[in-house]
C-alpha atoms as a PDB file:
ATOM      1  CA  MET A   1      27.729 146.185 139.209  1.00  0.00           C
ATOM      2  CA  LYS A   2      29.127 142.927 140.587  1.00  0.00           C
ATOM      3  CA  LYS A   3      31.830 142.764 137.918  1.00  0.00           C
ATOM      4  CA  GLU A   4      32.707 146.412 138.408  1.00  0.00           C
ATOM      5  CA  SER A   5      32.943 145.930 142.168  1.00  0.00           C
ATOM      6  CA  CYS A   6      35.472 143.118 141.656  1.00  0.00           C
ATOM      7  CA  ILE A   7      37.652 145.435 139.551  1.00  0.00           C
ATOM      8  CA  ILE A   8      37.594 148.167 142.189  1.00  0.00           C
ATOM      9  CA  ARG A   9      38.408 145.658 144.931  1.00  0.00           C
ATOM     10  CA  PHE A  10      41.308 144.302 142.880  1.00  0.00           C
ATOM     11  CA  LEU A  11      42.760 147.794 142.359  1.00  0.00           C
ATOM     12  CA  TYR A  12      42.571 148.817 146.009  1.00  0.00           C
ATOM     13  CA  ARG A  13      43.065 145.566 147.932  1.00  0.00           C
ATOM     14  CA  THR A  14      45.866 143.737 146.125  1.00  0.00           C
ATOM     15  CA  CYS A  15      49.526 144.582 145.631  1.00  0.00           C
ATOM     16  CA  ILE A  16      49.316 144.150 141.864  1.00  0.00           C
ATOM     17  CA  GLY A  17      46.126 146.197 141.740  1.00  0.00           C
ATOM     18  CA  ARG A  18      47.635 149.090 143.684  1.00  0.00           C
ATOM     19  CA  ALA A  19      50.668 149.042 141.339  1.00  0.00           C
ATOM     20  CA  ILE A  20      48.286 149.357 138.376  1.00  0.00           C
ATOM     21  CA  LEU A  21      46.375 152.081 140.237  1.00  0.00           C
ATOM     22  CA  LYS A  22      49.533 154.222 140.412  1.00  0.00           C
ATOM     23  CA  ILE A  23      49.605 154.210 136.611  1.00  0.00           C
ATOM     24  CA  ILE A  24      45.869 154.867 136.279  1.00  0.00           C
ATOM     25  CA  ILE A  25      45.896 157.950 138.523  1.00  0.00           C
ATOM     26  CA  CYS A  26      48.856 159.454 136.666  1.00  0.00           C
ATOM     27  CA  PRO A  27      47.785 162.743 134.992  1.00  0.00           C
ATOM     28  CA  LYS A  28      49.291 161.636 131.667  1.00  0.00           C
ATOM     29  CA  PHE A  29      47.163 158.492 131.684  1.00  0.00           C
ATOM     30  CA  SER A  30      44.089 160.562 132.494  1.00  0.00           C
ATOM     31  CA  LYS A  31      44.815 162.833 129.527  1.00  0.00           C
ATOM     32  CA  ILE A  32      45.109 159.854 127.196  1.00  0.00           C
ATOM     33  CA  VAL A  33      41.749 158.488 128.368  1.00  0.00           C
ATOM     34  CA  SER A  34      40.199 161.952 128.065  1.00  0.00           C
ATOM     35  CA  HIS A  35      41.468 162.349 124.502  1.00  0.00           C
ATOM     36  CA  TYR A  36      40.027 158.967 123.510  1.00  0.00           C
ATOM     37  CA  LEU A  37      36.613 159.582 125.134  1.00  0.00           C
ATOM     38  CA  ASN A  38      36.378 162.924 123.323  1.00  0.00           C
ATOM     39  CA  SER A  39      37.173 161.341 119.961  1.00  0.00           C
ATOM     40  CA  SER A  40      34.776 159.786 117.459  1.00  0.00           C
ATOM     41  CA  PHE A  41      36.497 156.416 118.033  1.00  0.00           C
ATOM     42  CA  SER A  42      34.682 156.144 121.385  1.00  0.00           C
ATOM     43  CA  LYS A  43      31.173 156.353 119.885  1.00  0.00           C
ATOM     44  CA  TRP A  44      30.823 152.553 119.934  1.00  0.00           C
ATOM     45  CA  LEU A  45      30.653 152.701 123.738  1.00  0.00           C
ATOM     46  CA  ILE A  46      27.377 154.653 123.752  1.00  0.00           C
ATOM     47  CA  LYS A  47      24.971 151.838 122.828  1.00  0.00           C
ATOM     48  CA  ARG A  48      26.635 149.431 125.254  1.00  0.00           C
ATOM     49  CA  TYR A  49      26.397 152.026 128.031  1.00  0.00           C
ATOM     50  CA  ILE A  50      22.697 152.664 127.386  1.00  0.00           C
ATOM     51  CA  LYS A  51      21.988 148.929 127.414  1.00  0.00           C
ATOM     52  CA  LYS A  52      24.069 148.234 130.519  1.00  0.00           C
ATOM     53  CA  TYR A  53      22.240 150.839 132.609  1.00  0.00           C
ATOM     54  CA  ASN A  54      18.832 150.367 130.926  1.00  0.00           C
ATOM     55  CA  MET A  55      18.645 154.102 130.244  1.00  0.00           C
ATOM     56  CA  ASN A  56      15.484 155.804 128.958  1.00  0.00           C
ATOM     57  CA  MET A  57      16.798 158.120 126.259  1.00  0.00           C
ATOM     58  CA  ASP A  58      13.367 159.678 125.589  1.00  0.00           C
ATOM     59  CA  GLU A  59      13.979 162.238 128.343  1.00  0.00           C
ATOM     60  CA  TYR A  60      17.122 163.589 126.649  1.00  0.00           C
ATOM     61  CA  GLU A  61      17.571 165.866 123.659  1.00  0.00           C
ATOM     62  CA  THR A  62      17.621 164.047 120.322  1.00  0.00           C
ATOM     63  CA  VAL A  63      21.061 164.723 118.868  1.00  0.00           C
ATOM     64  CA  GLU A  64      23.810 162.784 117.149  1.00  0.00           C
ATOM     65  CA  TYR A  65      26.591 162.346 119.692  1.00  0.00           C
ATOM     66  CA  THR A  66      30.093 162.932 118.337  1.00  0.00           C
ATOM     67  CA  SER A  67      31.894 160.988 121.093  1.00  0.00           C
ATOM     68  CA  PHE A  68      31.238 159.050 124.277  1.00  0.00           C
ATOM     69  CA  ASN A  69      31.947 162.113 126.409  1.00  0.00           C
ATOM     70  CA  ASN A  70      29.559 164.157 124.285  1.00  0.00           C
ATOM     71  CA  PHE A  71      26.920 161.557 125.184  1.00  0.00           C
ATOM     72  CA  PHE A  72      27.938 161.488 128.849  1.00  0.00           C
ATOM     73  CA  ILE A  73      27.251 165.228 129.258  1.00  0.00           C
ATOM     74  CA  ARG A  74      23.907 164.939 127.394  1.00  0.00           C
ATOM     75  CA  CYS A  75      21.154 167.474 128.106  1.00  0.00           C
ATOM     76  CA  ARG A  76      17.604 166.789 129.218  1.00  0.00           C
ATOM     77  CA  LYS A  77      14.660 167.975 127.138  1.00  0.00           C
ATOM     78  CA  ASN A  78      12.976 169.426 130.211  1.00  0.00           C
ATOM     79  CA  ASN A  79      14.517 170.509 133.494  1.00  0.00           C
ATOM     80  CA  PHE A  80      12.165 170.728 136.474  1.00  0.00           C
ATOM     81  CA  PHE A  81      12.853 172.405 139.793  1.00  0.00           C
ATOM     82  CA  ASP A  82      10.668 173.153 142.806  1.00  0.00           C
ATOM     83  CA  GLU A  83       9.899 176.878 142.618  1.00  0.00           C
ATOM     84  CA  GLU A  84       8.837 177.321 146.259  1.00  0.00           C
ATOM     85  CA  PRO A  85      11.698 179.593 147.460  1.00  0.00           C
ATOM     86  CA  GLU A  86      11.840 178.185 151.008  1.00  0.00           C
ATOM     87  CA  ASN A  87      12.236 174.616 149.784  1.00  0.00           C
ATOM     88  CA  LEU A  88      15.819 173.400 149.561  1.00  0.00           C
ATOM     89  CA  ILE A  89      16.367 171.597 146.250  1.00  0.00           C
ATOM     90  CA  SER A  90      18.913 169.019 145.134  1.00  0.00           C
ATOM     91  CA  PRO A  91      21.644 170.387 142.847  1.00  0.00           C
ATOM     92  CA  CYS A  92      21.872 167.098 140.932  1.00  0.00           C
ATOM     93  CA  ASP A  93      20.678 163.560 140.367  1.00  0.00           C
ATOM     94  CA  GLY A  94      22.298 161.034 142.655  1.00  0.00           C
ATOM     95  CA  TYR A  95      22.235 159.461 146.090  1.00  0.00           C
ATOM     96  CA  LEU A  96      22.079 161.718 149.142  1.00  0.00           C
ATOM     97  CA  SER A  97      23.411 161.384 152.686  1.00  0.00           C
ATOM     98  CA  VAL A  98      23.155 164.101 155.364  1.00  0.00           C
ATOM     99  CA  TYR A  99      25.563 164.691 158.244  1.00  0.00           C
ATOM    100  CA  LYS A 100      25.661 167.016 161.232  1.00  0.00           C
ATOM    101  CA  ILE A 101      29.038 168.765 161.444  1.00  0.00           C
ATOM    102  CA  ASP A 102      30.028 168.111 165.062  1.00  0.00           C
ATOM    103  CA  SER A 103      31.747 170.440 167.507  1.00  0.00           C
ATOM    104  CA  ASP A 104      35.163 169.156 166.406  1.00  0.00           C
ATOM    105  CA  CYS A 105      34.280 169.955 162.802  1.00  0.00           C
ATOM    106  CA  ASN A 106      34.517 166.303 161.731  1.00  0.00           C
ATOM    107  CA  LEU A 107      32.575 164.734 158.870  1.00  0.00           C
ATOM    108  CA  LYS A 108      31.907 161.069 158.248  1.00  0.00           C
ATOM    109  CA  ILE A 109      31.809 160.603 154.466  1.00  0.00           C
ATOM    110  CA  LYS A 110      31.877 157.119 152.942  1.00  0.00           C
ATOM    111  CA  HIS A 111      33.381 155.385 155.999  1.00  0.00           C
ATOM    112  CA  SER A 112      36.159 157.973 156.379  1.00  0.00           C
ATOM    113  CA  ASP A 113      36.574 160.949 158.703  1.00  0.00           C
ATOM    114  CA  TYR A 114      37.327 164.400 157.314  1.00  0.00           C
ATOM    115  CA  THR A 115      37.453 167.847 158.806  1.00  0.00           C
ATOM    116  CA  ILE A 116      35.868 170.798 157.047  1.00  0.00           C
ATOM    117  CA  GLN A 117      39.292 172.425 157.127  1.00  0.00           C
ATOM    118  CA  SER A 118      40.947 169.574 155.199  1.00  0.00           C
ATOM    119  CA  LEU A 119      38.076 169.567 152.721  1.00  0.00           C
ATOM    120  CA  LEU A 120      38.240 173.332 152.075  1.00  0.00           C
ATOM    121  CA  GLN A 121      41.914 173.860 152.957  1.00  0.00           C
ATOM    122  CA  ASP A 122      40.809 177.098 154.608  1.00  0.00           C
ATOM    123  CA  GLU A 123      40.824 177.293 158.416  1.00  0.00           C
ATOM    124  CA  ILE A 124      38.904 180.580 158.713  1.00  0.00           C
ATOM    125  CA  LEU A 125      36.185 179.608 156.239  1.00  0.00           C
ATOM    126  CA  SER A 126      35.765 176.162 157.795  1.00  0.00           C
ATOM    127  CA  LYS A 127      34.837 177.717 161.164  1.00  0.00           C
ATOM    128  CA  LYS A 128      31.704 179.215 159.579  1.00  0.00           C
ATOM    129  CA  TYR A 129      30.219 175.730 159.248  1.00  0.00           C
ATOM    130  CA  GLN A 130      30.819 174.361 162.737  1.00  0.00           C
ATOM    131  CA  ASN A 131      27.665 172.592 163.958  1.00  0.00           C
ATOM    132  CA  GLY A 132      26.096 173.057 160.541  1.00  0.00           C
ATOM    133  CA  ILE A 133      24.853 170.522 157.995  1.00  0.00           C
ATOM    134  CA  CYS A 134      26.776 168.663 155.292  1.00  0.00           C
ATOM    135  CA  MET A 135      24.929 167.101 152.353  1.00  0.00           C
ATOM    136  CA  VAL A 136      26.785 164.580 150.193  1.00  0.00           C
ATOM    137  CA  PHE A 137      25.383 163.742 146.743  1.00  0.00           C
ATOM    138  CA  ARG A 138      27.035 160.717 145.096  1.00  0.00           C
ATOM    139  CA  LEU A 139      26.503 160.425 141.349  1.00  0.00           C
ATOM    140  CA  GLU A 140      26.631 157.027 139.657  1.00  0.00           C
ATOM    141  CA  PRO A 141      27.768 156.602 136.030  1.00  0.00           C
ATOM    142  CA  HIS A 142      24.213 156.383 134.663  1.00  0.00           C
ATOM    143  CA  ASN A 143      23.051 159.558 136.439  1.00  0.00           C
ATOM    144  CA  TYR A 144      22.530 162.904 134.714  1.00  0.00           C
ATOM    145  CA  HIS A 145      25.863 164.706 135.180  1.00  0.00           C
ATOM    146  CA  ARG A 146      24.793 168.338 134.896  1.00  0.00           C
ATOM    147  CA  TYR A 147      24.112 170.260 138.100  1.00  0.00           C
ATOM    148  CA  ILE A 148      22.375 173.484 139.158  1.00  0.00           C
ATOM    149  CA  TYR A 149      22.395 176.308 141.692  1.00  0.00           C
ATOM    150  CA  ILE A 150      19.987 175.651 144.562  1.00  0.00           C
ATOM    151  CA  ASP A 151      18.873 179.266 145.099  1.00  0.00           C
ATOM    152  CA  ASN A 152      19.122 182.826 143.819  1.00  0.00           C
ATOM    153  CA  CYS A 153      22.543 183.934 144.978  1.00  0.00           C
ATOM    154  CA  THR A 154      25.717 185.879 144.388  1.00  0.00           C
ATOM    155  CA  VAL A 155      29.009 184.089 143.869  1.00  0.00           C
ATOM    156  CA  GLU A 156      31.420 185.518 146.449  1.00  0.00           C
ATOM    157  CA  LYS A 157      34.427 183.455 145.400  1.00  0.00           C
ATOM    158  CA  GLU A 158      35.456 180.285 143.587  1.00  0.00           C
ATOM    159  CA  VAL A 159      38.344 178.006 144.536  1.00  0.00           C
ATOM    160  CA  ARG A 160      39.993 175.087 142.752  1.00  0.00           C
ATOM    161  CA  ILE A 161      42.006 172.525 144.708  1.00  0.00           C
ATOM    162  CA  ALA A 162      44.220 170.214 142.663  1.00  0.00           C
ATOM    163  CA  GLY A 163      44.562 166.668 143.860  1.00  0.00           C
ATOM    164  CA  VAL A 164      45.229 163.046 142.976  1.00  0.00           C
ATOM    165  CA  LEU A 165      42.155 161.477 141.390  1.00  0.00           C
ATOM    166  CA  HIS A 166      40.803 158.436 143.229  1.00  0.00           C
ATOM    167  CA  CYS A 167      37.570 156.475 142.940  1.00  0.00           C
ATOM    168  CA  VAL A 168      34.702 157.731 145.141  1.00  0.00           C
ATOM    169  CA  ARG A 169      33.252 154.263 145.728  1.00  0.00           C
ATOM    170  CA  PRO A 170      32.968 153.102 149.359  1.00  0.00           C
ATOM    171  CA  VAL A 171      35.636 150.389 149.023  1.00  0.00           C
ATOM    172  CA  ALA A 172      38.181 153.006 147.966  1.00  0.00           C
ATOM    173  CA  CYS A 173      37.757 154.801 151.269  1.00  0.00           C
ATOM    174  CA  GLU A 174      38.994 151.764 153.166  1.00  0.00           C
ATOM    175  CA  LYS A 175      42.502 152.486 151.870  1.00  0.00           C
ATOM    176  CA  PHE A 176      42.634 156.162 150.906  1.00  0.00           C
ATOM    177  CA  PRO A 177      41.268 159.518 152.229  1.00  0.00           C
ATOM    178  CA  VAL A 178      39.389 160.026 148.978  1.00  0.00           C
ATOM    179  CA  TYR A 179      37.934 163.472 149.582  1.00  0.00           C
ATOM    180  CA  VAL A 180      41.292 164.855 150.675  1.00  0.00           C
ATOM    181  CA  GLU A 181      43.131 163.599 147.613  1.00  0.00           C
ATOM    182  CA  ASN A 182      40.517 164.228 144.923  1.00  0.00           C
ATOM    183  CA  SER A 183      40.594 167.325 142.763  1.00  0.00           C
ATOM    184  CA  ARG A 184      37.702 169.609 143.680  1.00  0.00           C
ATOM    185  CA  GLU A 185      36.195 173.012 143.091  1.00  0.00           C
ATOM    186  CA  TYR A 186      33.925 174.971 145.361  1.00  0.00           C
ATOM    187  CA  ALA A 187      31.981 178.193 145.279  1.00  0.00           C
ATOM    188  CA  LEU A 188      31.066 180.345 148.276  1.00  0.00           C
ATOM    189  CA  LEU A 189      27.479 181.423 147.601  1.00  0.00           C
ATOM    190  CA  ASN A 190      25.426 184.094 149.377  1.00  0.00           C
ATOM    191  CA  THR A 191      21.911 182.749 148.921  1.00  0.00           C
ATOM    192  CA  GLU A 192      18.545 184.438 149.473  1.00  0.00           C
ATOM    193  CA  HIS A 193      16.992 181.700 151.610  1.00  0.00           C
ATOM    194  CA  PHE A 194      19.763 179.474 153.032  1.00  0.00           C
ATOM    195  CA  GLY A 195      22.486 181.856 154.150  1.00  0.00           C
ATOM    196  CA  SER A 196      26.121 181.568 153.108  1.00  0.00           C
ATOM    197  CA  ILE A 197      26.724 178.098 151.662  1.00  0.00           C
ATOM    198  CA  ILE A 198      29.491 176.093 150.024  1.00  0.00           C
ATOM    199  CA  GLN A 199      28.768 174.080 146.887  1.00  0.00           C
ATOM    200  CA  MET A 200      31.674 171.774 146.087  1.00  0.00           C
ATOM    201  CA  GLU A 201      32.202 169.495 143.090  1.00  0.00           C
ATOM    202  CA  ILE A 202      34.613 166.574 143.439  1.00  0.00           C
ATOM    203  CA  GLY A 203      36.277 164.698 140.593  1.00  0.00           C
ATOM    204  CA  ALA A 204      37.045 160.989 140.560  1.00  0.00           C
ATOM    205  CA  LEU A 205      39.064 158.173 138.991  1.00  0.00           C
ATOM    206  CA  LEU A 206      40.367 158.562 135.428  1.00  0.00           C
ATOM    207  CA  VAL A 207      39.017 161.681 133.723  1.00  0.00           C
ATOM    208  CA  GLY A 208      36.832 163.039 136.514  1.00  0.00           C
ATOM    209  CA  LYS A 209      36.827 166.525 134.998  1.00  0.00           C
ATOM    210  CA  ILE A 210      34.780 169.337 136.520  1.00  0.00           C
ATOM    211  CA  LYS A 211      33.435 171.919 134.087  1.00  0.00           C
ATOM    212  CA  ASN A 212      32.015 174.971 135.876  1.00  0.00           C
ATOM    213  CA  TYR A 213      30.834 178.187 134.228  1.00  0.00           C
ATOM    214  CA  HIS A 214      33.056 180.813 135.851  1.00  0.00           C
ATOM    215  CA  ASP A 215      31.899 184.017 134.157  1.00  0.00           C
ATOM    216  CA  LEU A 216      28.916 184.448 136.492  1.00  0.00           C
ATOM    217  CA  ASN A 217      28.149 186.619 139.512  1.00  0.00           C
ATOM    218  CA  ASN A 218      24.418 186.873 140.168  1.00  0.00           C
ATOM    219  CA  VAL A 219      22.779 183.519 139.439  1.00  0.00           C
ATOM    220  CA  SER A 220      19.243 182.129 139.658  1.00  0.00           C
ATOM    221  CA  ARG A 221      17.655 179.132 141.346  1.00  0.00           C
ATOM    222  CA  GLY A 222      17.704 176.172 138.957  1.00  0.00           C
ATOM    223  CA  GLN A 223      20.326 177.743 136.682  1.00  0.00           C
ATOM    224  CA  GLU A 224      22.933 175.287 135.421  1.00  0.00           C
ATOM    225  CA  LYS A 225      26.235 175.636 137.300  1.00  0.00           C
ATOM    226  CA  GLY A 226      28.269 173.148 135.289  1.00  0.00           C
ATOM    227  CA  TYR A 227      28.764 169.460 134.539  1.00  0.00           C
ATOM    228  CA  PHE A 228      31.065 166.509 135.088  1.00  0.00           C
ATOM    229  CA  GLU A 229      32.807 164.779 132.220  1.00  0.00           C
ATOM    230  CA  PHE A 230      33.210 161.014 132.410  1.00  0.00           C
ATOM    231  CA  GLY A 231      34.030 159.588 135.829  1.00  0.00           C
ATOM    232  CA  GLY A 232      32.121 158.983 139.037  1.00  0.00           C
ATOM    233  CA  SER A 233      31.563 162.280 140.815  1.00  0.00           C
ATOM    234  CA  THR A 234      30.276 163.850 144.032  1.00  0.00           C
ATOM    235  CA  ILE A 235      28.743 167.158 145.109  1.00  0.00           C
ATOM    236  CA  VAL A 236      28.924 168.457 148.683  1.00  0.00           C
ATOM    237  CA  LEU A 237      26.769 171.239 150.139  1.00  0.00           C
ATOM    238  CA  LEU A 238      27.761 172.907 153.431  1.00  0.00           C
ATOM    239  CA  PHE A 239      25.287 174.975 155.463  1.00  0.00           C
ATOM    240  CA  GLU A 240      25.860 177.077 158.555  1.00  0.00           C
ATOM    241  CA  LYS A 241      24.182 176.234 161.849  1.00  0.00           C
ATOM    242  CA  ASP A 242      20.381 176.687 162.048  1.00  0.00           C
ATOM    243  CA  MET A 243      19.939 177.491 158.365  1.00  0.00           C
ATOM    244  CA  ILE A 244      18.155 174.408 157.008  1.00  0.00           C
ATOM    245  CA  ILE A 245      16.110 171.384 158.051  1.00  0.00           C
ATOM    246  CA  PRO A 246      16.753 168.284 155.880  1.00  0.00           C
ATOM    247  CA  ASN A 247      13.793 166.049 155.060  1.00  0.00           C
ATOM    248  CA  ASP A 248      13.065 163.506 157.816  1.00  0.00           C
ATOM    249  CA  ASP A 249      13.363 160.489 155.513  1.00  0.00           C
ATOM    250  CA  ILE A 250      16.842 161.562 154.374  1.00  0.00           C
ATOM    251  CA  ILE A 251      18.025 161.977 157.977  1.00  0.00           C
ATOM    252  CA  ARG A 252      16.520 158.623 158.930  1.00  0.00           C
ATOM    253  CA  ASN A 253      18.014 156.824 155.946  1.00  0.00           C
ATOM    254  CA  THR A 254      21.476 158.236 156.654  1.00  0.00           C
ATOM    255  CA  GLU A 255      21.266 157.029 160.258  1.00  0.00           C
ATOM    256  CA  PHE A 256      20.721 153.510 158.905  1.00  0.00           C
ATOM    257  CA  GLY A 257      23.511 153.860 156.354  1.00  0.00           C
ATOM    258  CA  ILE A 258      21.106 154.195 153.413  1.00  0.00           C
ATOM    259  CA  GLU A 259      21.581 156.742 150.636  1.00  0.00           C
ATOM    260  CA  THR A 260      18.392 158.438 149.423  1.00  0.00           C
ATOM    261  CA  PRO A 261      17.932 158.645 145.621  1.00  0.00           C
ATOM    262  CA  VAL A 262      17.189 162.220 144.517  1.00  0.00           C
ATOM    263  CA  LYS A 263      16.779 164.157 141.278  1.00  0.00           C
ATOM    264  CA  ALA A 264      17.986 167.647 140.451  1.00  0.00           C
ATOM    265  CA  GLY A 265      15.444 170.276 141.449  1.00  0.00           C
ATOM    266  CA  THR A 266      13.450 168.135 143.890  1.00  0.00           C
ATOM    267  CA  GLN A 267      12.972 169.103 147.531  1.00  0.00           C
ATOM    268  CA  VAL A 268      15.470 167.725 150.047  1.00  0.00           C
ATOM    269  CA  GLY A 269      14.816 170.128 152.944  1.00  0.00           C
ATOM    270  CA  VAL A 270      13.473 173.531 153.985  1.00  0.00           C
ATOM    271  CA  SER A 271      14.916 176.855 155.065  1.00  0.00           C
ATOM    272  CA  LYS A 272      14.785 177.827 158.751  1.00  0.00           C
ATOM    273  CA  LEU A 273      14.879 181.513 157.789  1.00  0.00           C
ATOM    274  CA  LYS A 274      11.082 181.779 157.607  1.00  0.00           C
END
């Protein structure tokens, strides 16, 4: 992590680094990296990756991976999720922070301020979430990169917002409005127990591809929604006012600037619609 942090700091805090960054975030460069990571020539990276992050491969399906990206989007043998309908579950593995959306509709995400409107690029829709709750799930490279629906729901609409891919690490936010510039997709979901919510997936540096299953309408709690290909990634959940109560430890940790580690399907709050 220390070595990786130095690379990120070099890219974002030095003149030479920022010049290199302009090349890295170019779509053509991203396509080249994507092509390589999807080829058999990238298979050598798998063992090094497993060793670097001390990954327990026993929990994943036993298959022969055809490329590094094929390994990156690996499937678990067993997927657990809390079946109590009033319990709010995490859509993914990662690190969670929770924010109250204030009266000015401002969010503090990774040391930067964003409005719901700039995040969604939809003024009318953003007003629905004034004084609501924003949950930010940050996935690290070693995390499981498949994600699920958090409740039985209908998909009202899906939106894709193209953007420049930047790194989602905290240091990146000191120079760039990362969540404004990143490519992202979101779905407006009418859920059974948490009202009308937004589930947004955000891409990141290099490939950062979002792969959602779009041929769905009525979906079930715990059902897979999609996955991220290689690249650090983030998921954001938006809830309307008085719809959910996040777990106390998550609220407390966020107040102290601590992200709470979570796993897909585990409880992170409860519904107020009891």
